[in-house]
Amino acid sequence: METGARSEASYPERIVCLTEETTETLYLLGEDRRIVGVSGYTARPAAARTKPRVSAFTTAKYDRILALAPDLVLAFSDLQADIARELIRRGVTVFTFNQRSVAEILNMIGTLARIVGAVERGADLVARLEGELDAIRASAARFPRRPRVFFEEWKDPIISGIRWVDELVEIAGGDPLFPELRTRQAAPDRIVAPADVAARDPEVVIASWCGVKVNKRAIADRPGWEATAAVRDGRIFEVKSTYILQPGPAALTEGVRQLHAILARVAGVPLEGVLAPEAAWDKTGGPSGGAPE
């Protein structure tokens, strides 16, 4: 228990996390013992995979959740509003986050730390994450120029990146292709026509298809895209969705590191070792050509 904190008994002891980002945050805070159930899509950290899986993203196993006797369920956004409503009707306490930007992700981490009585550790974690983002910004400032980046969140229809992703592309050293769409929360509001992408001539395409491996050849073969710099130079890359499409610690660490590593390679600037991704990342681009060695 931290200095000045209340008795541990006054904090939630049995927490169900319906999305991965709150699970990972509790682990980073050293509060994972409180987690009694997680989303079936949870991949980070690996230790969390042993926890009971009680939900998908927009559906949940209510009886299984109730059997775990949670004193708090953590949900995310309007996408889980129906789950939250049903759990509340069944007498469960639910806290729903709605973070959509880098600043809001950091606020989520701080708020969750306060909920479990880990205020100091939460402040330390936020400071560390902010420091790493600042280091990547400084590294990106070495690029001779910022390439135009199209981040593709889905393939059919084509969906441009959500706000935190666009912001991380900027931090990593790129200029997002459709910055005017980033604040549109609903994915259907970020659908873009293939011809509109081609017209803006992306120099780099970074794709992350949730739960599906990116098909670079299918991207390159879209009508009109053969003339874009990204396709011509073989600069189509993949970042796995677990690293970038979860609005939590993964995006602010491994996700932005992979974005920066890709853009540093495209810019021909050596990647600083301390900023290198920890996981395997897409170094080659494709489906032909390739980024500078």
Foldseek 3Di string as FASTA:
>chain_A
DDPPFDDQVVFWQAEEEADQFLCQLCVLLVNNNSYQEYDPPHPPPVVCNVHHHFHHQQGGNQVVVVVSVGQEYEHEDPSNVVVVVVVVVVPHHYDYQYDFALVSQLVVSCVSCVRSRSNVSSVVVSVVLVVLLVVQQVVLVPFPAAFEEFEFAAVVQTFTDAHHLCVLLVSLNHHYQCNVQRPPPDRVSRGDDPVSVLVSQGLAYEYEYAPDDDDQVVNCPDPNNVPGNCNVQQHYFYDYCVQDVRSHDSCSAQVSLLSNQSRCQQSVHDDDPVSHHPDDTTQFHDPDHGGHD
